[in-house]
Amino acid sequence: MIAGIGNALQPIEHLMKSILDFFHGSIGLPWAWSIVALTVLVRIVLVPLTVRQIHSMQSLQRHAPEMKALQQKHKGDRAKLNEELMKFYKENHINPAASCLPLVAQFPVFIALYLTLKHFSHHITGSWLHVVPDISAKTTAHWSGYILLAIYAGSQIASTYFMGTTMDKTQRNIMMVLPLAFITVVSRFPVGLVLYWMTTNLWTVGQGLVTRRLVPKAKPSAVPAAAAGTRRSSRTPPRDDGADGNGAVPEQPKPKPPTQPRIVKRKKGGARP
């Protein structure tokens, strides 16, 4: 099965090798920076899918209260809830799978780059930032690889934090813990592959910062909850506080101050009655 997948990905593998050769041979970048440039190029190609992902996140966030109401309504019937959610997605033109498209599209690239680094490890060599001695070696072969693993885990958690705004709390916490569980697997990869995934995560963090500015925040209702439940109609009896039909209380005239009795002073030496 693995051999079949490798044969199916051979065209992408050759494409990865050609792009890396272009960045290294034609432009003159070191192999490590060629992998970084390849990562940026892949993310630029995936920009249309990223835009769809952002629009999907906006739609999900905009309709979150309605979906939460459906979940509360069909809390005990999972099948009915899924049916109503699918109908809701169709009526509101929401594609919840669009948020996963960039990740799914990157998976073949990730495997192809892994095969490229594996098959051409004698060719794609060199250090990175004078810290990592060999990008084709296993990550844990040198102490600097552990620094890369720490950066990978931190960038993965940060990317999940910024891009997981539409996930529920439990799902988001699981996605933030998974990188720590995968460190033992990632440590077996070549340094160049960890460098690719770390650059992807840092790109996603920047993308998440931009997305947070693009996704509109939920605006509070202009009508208070207490007032919204007491809207007046033609059958509502008149209020006894003097309010008009629109709920506004007319301004009452200010009471006049009480009139003081006038005191008449008697002249001295005047005639007595």
Protein backbone atom coordinates (compact mmCIF):
# COMPACT_ATOMS: atom_id res chain seq x y z
CA MET A 1 0.00 0.00 0.00
CA ILE A 2 2.81 2.40 0.91
CA ALA A 3 4.57 1.55 -2.33
CA GLY A 4 1.36 2.26 -4.22
CA ILE A 5 1.04 5.66 -2.57
CA GLY A 6 4.68 6.39 -3.38
CA ASN A 7 4.16 5.53 -7.04
CA ALA A 8 1.06 7.72 -7.19
CA LEU A 9 2.98 10.64 -5.69
CA GLN A 10 6.03 10.29 -7.96
CA PRO A 11 4.93 13.19 -10.24
CA ILE A 12 4.59 15.47 -7.20
CA GLU A 13 7.91 14.19 -5.86
CA HIS A 14 9.67 15.08 -9.10
CA LEU A 15 7.95 18.47 -9.05
CA MET A 16 9.21 19.10 -5.49
CA LYS A 17 12.72 18.16 -6.56
CA SER A 18 12.57 20.48 -9.59
CA ILE A 19 11.34 23.42 -7.50
CA LEU A 20 14.03 22.86 -4.86
CA ASP A 21 16.66 22.65 -7.62
CA PHE A 22 15.35 25.91 -9.06
CA PHE A 23 15.56 27.77 -5.74
CA HIS A 24 18.98 26.29 -4.95
CA GLY A 25 20.62 26.22 -8.38
CA SER A 26 19.06 29.15 -10.25
CA ILE A 27 18.39 31.59 -7.40
CA GLY A 28 21.27 30.48 -5.19
CA LEU A 29 19.44 29.80 -1.94
CA PRO A 30 20.83 27.20 0.48
CA TRP A 31 18.85 23.97 0.60
CA ALA A 32 17.23 24.85 3.94
CA TRP A 33 16.03 28.23 2.68
CA SER A 34 14.92 26.54 -0.54
CA ILE A 35 12.55 24.43 1.58
CA VAL A 36 11.26 27.61 3.26
CA ALA A 37 10.74 29.21 -0.17
CA LEU A 38 8.95 26.04 -1.35
CA THR A 39 6.64 26.27 1.66
CA VAL A 40 5.78 29.89 0.93
CA LEU A 41 5.14 29.02 -2.73
CA VAL A 42 2.78 26.20 -1.74
CA ARG A 43 0.85 28.49 0.59
CA ILE A 44 0.55 31.14 -2.13
CA VAL A 45 -0.87 28.51 -4.50
CA LEU A 46 -3.36 27.54 -1.78
CA VAL A 47 -4.60 31.14 -1.31
CA PRO A 48 -7.94 30.45 -3.15
CA LEU A 49 -8.64 27.55 -0.79
CA THR A 50 -7.62 29.75 2.13
CA VAL A 51 -10.13 32.40 1.03
CA ARG A 52 -12.85 29.74 0.92
CA GLN A 53 -11.74 28.63 4.37
CA ILE A 54 -12.09 32.19 5.70
CA HIS A 55 -15.55 32.58 4.14
CA SER A 56 -16.60 29.25 5.66
CA MET A 57 -15.40 30.41 9.07
CA GLN A 58 -17.33 33.66 8.67
CA SER A 59 -20.52 31.80 7.76
CA LEU A 60 -20.17 29.36 10.63
CA GLN A 61 -19.54 32.17 13.10
CA ARG A 62 -22.43 34.23 11.74
CA HIS A 63 -24.90 31.34 12.09
CA ALA A 64 -23.46 29.94 15.33
CA PRO A 65 -26.48 30.97 17.50
CA GLU A 66 -28.92 29.27 15.11
CA MET A 67 -26.86 26.07 15.00
CA LYS A 68 -26.59 26.09 18.78
CA ALA A 69 -30.38 26.38 18.98
CA LEU A 70 -30.70 23.33 16.71
CA GLN A 71 -28.31 21.40 18.93
CA GLN A 72 -30.37 22.25 22.00
CA LYS A 73 -33.62 21.37 20.22
CA HIS A 74 -32.44 17.93 19.06
CA LYS A 75 -30.11 17.21 21.95
CA GLY A 76 -31.32 13.65 22.45
CA ASP A 77 -31.63 12.66 18.78
CA ARG A 78 -28.25 12.60 17.02
CA ALA A 79 -29.64 11.42 13.69
CA LYS A 80 -32.29 14.15 13.61
CA LEU A 81 -29.69 16.75 14.59
CA ASN A 82 -27.40 15.74 11.72
CA GLU A 83 -30.33 15.82 9.31
CA GLU A 84 -31.38 19.30 10.43
CA LEU A 85 -27.80 20.58 10.33
CA MET A 86 -27.31 19.29 6.77
CA LYS A 87 -30.56 21.00 5.76
CA PHE A 88 -29.43 24.19 7.51
CA TYR A 89 -26.06 24.12 5.72
CA LYS A 90 -27.78 23.65 2.36
CA GLU A 91 -30.30 26.47 2.93
CA ASN A 92 -27.59 28.92 4.03
CA HIS A 93 -24.96 27.81 1.45
CA ILE A 94 -22.46 26.72 4.12
CA ASN A 95 -19.74 24.18 3.40
CA PRO A 96 -18.26 23.09 6.77
CA ALA A 97 -15.62 20.99 4.98
CA ALA A 98 -14.15 24.11 3.34
CA SER A 99 -12.23 24.88 6.53
CA CYS A 100 -10.24 21.64 6.05
CA LEU A 101 -9.39 22.11 2.37
CA PRO A 102 -5.93 23.76 2.84
CA LEU A 103 -4.87 21.00 5.26
CA VAL A 104 -6.07 18.22 2.95
CA ALA A 105 -4.37 19.84 -0.05
CA GLN A 106 -1.06 20.06 1.83
CA PHE A 107 -1.00 16.37 2.75
CA PRO A 108 0.22 15.12 -0.69
CA VAL A 109 2.84 17.89 -0.71
CA PHE A 110 4.02 16.81 2.73
CA ILE A 111 4.36 13.15 1.68
CA ALA A 112 6.06 14.10 -1.62
CA LEU A 113 8.58 16.29 0.20
CA TYR A 114 9.25 13.48 2.66
CA LEU A 115 9.97 11.08 -0.24
CA THR A 116 12.16 13.72 -1.91
CA LEU A 117 14.26 14.22 1.20
CA LYS A 118 14.47 10.46 1.67
CA HIS A 119 15.47 9.56 -1.90
CA PHE A 120 17.81 12.51 -2.44
CA SER A 121 19.31 12.76 1.06
CA HIS A 122 22.80 12.51 -0.47
CA HIS A 123 22.01 15.51 -2.69
CA ILE A 124 19.87 17.81 -0.50
CA THR A 125 22.23 18.51 2.38
CA GLY A 126 23.57 21.47 4.28
CA SER A 127 23.07 23.41 7.50
CA TRP A 128 20.45 25.94 8.49
CA LEU A 129 21.29 29.19 10.31
CA HIS A 130 24.61 27.57 11.31
CA VAL A 131 22.64 25.77 14.04
CA VAL A 132 21.21 22.68 12.34
CA PRO A 133 24.18 20.81 10.84
CA ASP A 134 22.32 18.63 8.31
CA ILE A 135 18.73 19.13 7.11
CA SER A 136 18.58 15.60 5.66
CA ALA A 137 19.39 13.92 9.00
CA LYS A 138 16.85 12.77 11.55
CA THR A 139 15.61 15.58 13.75
CA THR A 140 16.90 14.08 17.01
CA ALA A 141 20.37 13.40 15.56
CA HIS A 142 21.59 16.74 16.94
CA TRP A 143 20.67 18.85 19.96
CA SER A 144 19.42 21.65 17.68
CA GLY A 145 16.69 19.31 16.46
CA TYR A 146 15.01 19.48 19.86
CA ILE A 147 14.82 23.27 19.51
CA LEU A 148 13.10 22.80 16.15
CA LEU A 149 10.64 20.35 17.74
CA ALA A 150 9.81 22.90 20.45
CA ILE A 151 9.26 25.61 17.82
CA TYR A 152 7.14 23.18 15.79
CA ALA A 153 4.93 22.33 18.78
CA GLY A 154 4.53 25.98 19.78
CA SER A 155 3.72 27.09 16.23
CA GLN A 156 1.22 24.23 15.82
CA ILE A 157 -0.59 25.20 19.02
CA ALA A 158 -0.59 28.87 17.98
CA SER A 159 -1.96 28.07 14.52
CA THR A 160 -4.77 26.00 16.05
CA TYR A 161 -5.53 28.82 18.50
CA PHE A 162 -5.88 31.43 15.76
CA MET A 163 -7.61 29.28 13.13
CA GLY A 164 -9.87 27.20 15.42
CA THR A 165 -12.33 29.98 16.19
CA THR A 166 -15.33 27.95 14.94
CA MET A 167 -14.48 24.78 16.90
CA ASP A 168 -16.22 23.95 20.13
CA LYS A 169 -14.14 24.15 23.28
CA THR A 170 -13.51 20.40 23.62
CA GLN A 171 -12.48 19.93 19.98
CA ARG A 172 -10.22 22.96 20.15
CA ASN A 173 -8.47 21.71 23.30
CA ILE A 174 -7.88 18.31 21.66
CA MET A 175 -6.39 19.93 18.56
CA MET A 176 -4.07 22.01 20.74
CA VAL A 177 -2.85 18.96 22.69
CA LEU A 178 -2.31 16.72 19.62
CA PRO A 179 1.00 18.39 18.59
CA LEU A 180 2.51 17.34 21.92
CA ALA A 181 1.42 13.75 21.29
CA PHE A 182 2.83 13.79 17.74
CA ILE A 183 6.29 15.01 18.77
CA THR A 184 7.53 11.43 19.09
CA VAL A 185 6.42 10.76 15.49
CA VAL A 186 7.71 14.05 14.08
CA SER A 187 11.09 13.51 15.73
CA ARG A 188 11.70 10.60 13.35
CA PHE A 189 11.32 12.86 10.29
CA PRO A 190 14.22 14.61 8.55
CA VAL A 191 15.01 18.13 9.71
CA GLY A 192 13.95 19.55 6.34
CA LEU A 193 10.42 18.15 6.76
CA VAL A 194 10.08 19.65 10.25
CA LEU A 195 11.35 22.92 8.79
CA TYR A 196 8.61 22.76 6.14
CA TRP A 197 5.85 22.11 8.68
CA MET A 198 7.19 24.76 11.08
CA THR A 199 7.15 27.36 8.28
CA THR A 200 3.60 26.30 7.38
CA ASN A 201 2.48 26.78 10.99
CA LEU A 202 4.06 30.24 11.19
CA TRP A 203 2.31 31.18 7.93
CA THR A 204 -0.98 29.94 9.43
CA VAL A 205 -0.43 32.08 12.54
CA GLY A 206 -0.01 35.18 10.37
CA GLN A 207 -3.05 34.15 8.36
CA GLY A 208 -5.02 33.74 11.58
CA LEU A 209 -4.12 37.25 12.71
CA VAL A 210 -5.42 38.62 9.40
CA THR A 211 -8.53 36.42 9.60
CA ARG A 212 -9.40 37.75 13.05
CA ARG A 213 -9.55 41.22 11.56
CA LEU A 214 -11.70 40.03 8.65
CA VAL A 215 -14.20 37.94 10.63
CA PRO A 216 -16.87 40.34 11.96
CA LYS A 217 -17.56 40.24 15.66
CA ALA A 218 -21.09 39.49 16.82
CA LYS A 219 -22.87 42.77 17.45
CA PRO A 220 -25.09 43.05 20.52
CA SER A 221 -28.77 43.46 19.90
CA ALA A 222 -29.93 47.07 19.80
CA VAL A 223 -33.09 46.16 21.74
CA PRO A 224 -32.51 45.06 25.33
CA ALA A 225 -33.77 41.60 26.25
CA ALA A 226 -36.22 42.96 28.77
CA ALA A 227 -37.67 45.39 26.26
CA ALA A 228 -37.72 42.86 23.45
CA GLY A 229 -40.08 40.59 25.35
CA THR A 230 -42.59 43.40 26.02
CA ARG A 231 -43.23 44.80 22.58
CA ARG A 232 -46.50 46.66 22.29
CA SER A 233 -49.27 45.76 19.88
CA SER A 234 -52.78 46.96 19.19
CA ARG A 235 -54.08 44.65 21.96
CA THR A 236 -51.64 45.88 24.55
CA PRO A 237 -53.45 48.06 27.13
CA PRO A 238 -52.21 51.61 27.44
CA ARG A 239 -49.44 52.17 29.91
CA ASP A 240 -50.21 54.10 33.01
CA ASP A 241 -46.88 55.95 33.02
CA GLY A 242 -47.96 58.44 30.37
CA ALA A 243 -45.96 56.86 27.55
CA ASP A 244 -47.15 57.28 23.99
CA GLY A 245 -47.56 54.47 21.46
CA ASN A 246 -43.85 54.37 20.72
CA GLY A 247 -42.91 53.85 24.36
CA ALA A 248 -41.62 57.40 24.85
CA VAL A 249 -42.74 59.31 27.91
CA PRO A 250 -43.73 62.91 27.06
CA GLU A 251 -42.04 65.63 29.01
CA GLN A 252 -44.21 66.85 31.89
CA PRO A 253 -44.45 70.58 32.64
CA LYS A 254 -42.45 71.64 35.65
CA PRO A 255 -44.62 72.57 38.68
CA LYS A 256 -44.66 76.27 39.58
CA PRO A 257 -43.24 77.19 42.97
CA PRO A 258 -45.90 78.05 45.62
CA THR A 259 -46.82 81.72 45.87
CA GLN A 260 -45.69 83.37 49.08
CA PRO A 261 -48.26 85.67 50.84
CA ARG A 262 -47.41 89.33 50.48
CA ILE A 263 -46.51 91.05 53.77
CA VAL A 264 -47.66 94.69 54.05
CA LYS A 265 -45.62 96.84 56.43
CA ARG A 266 -47.51 99.48 58.49
CA LYS A 267 -46.11 103.00 58.55
CA LYS A 268 -45.05 104.42 61.88
CA GLY A 269 -47.28 107.07 63.35
CA GLY A 270 -50.12 106.19 61.14
CA ALA A 271 -53.74 106.67 62.24
CA ARG A 272 -55.29 103.74 64.01
CA PRO A 273 -58.62 102.59 62.81
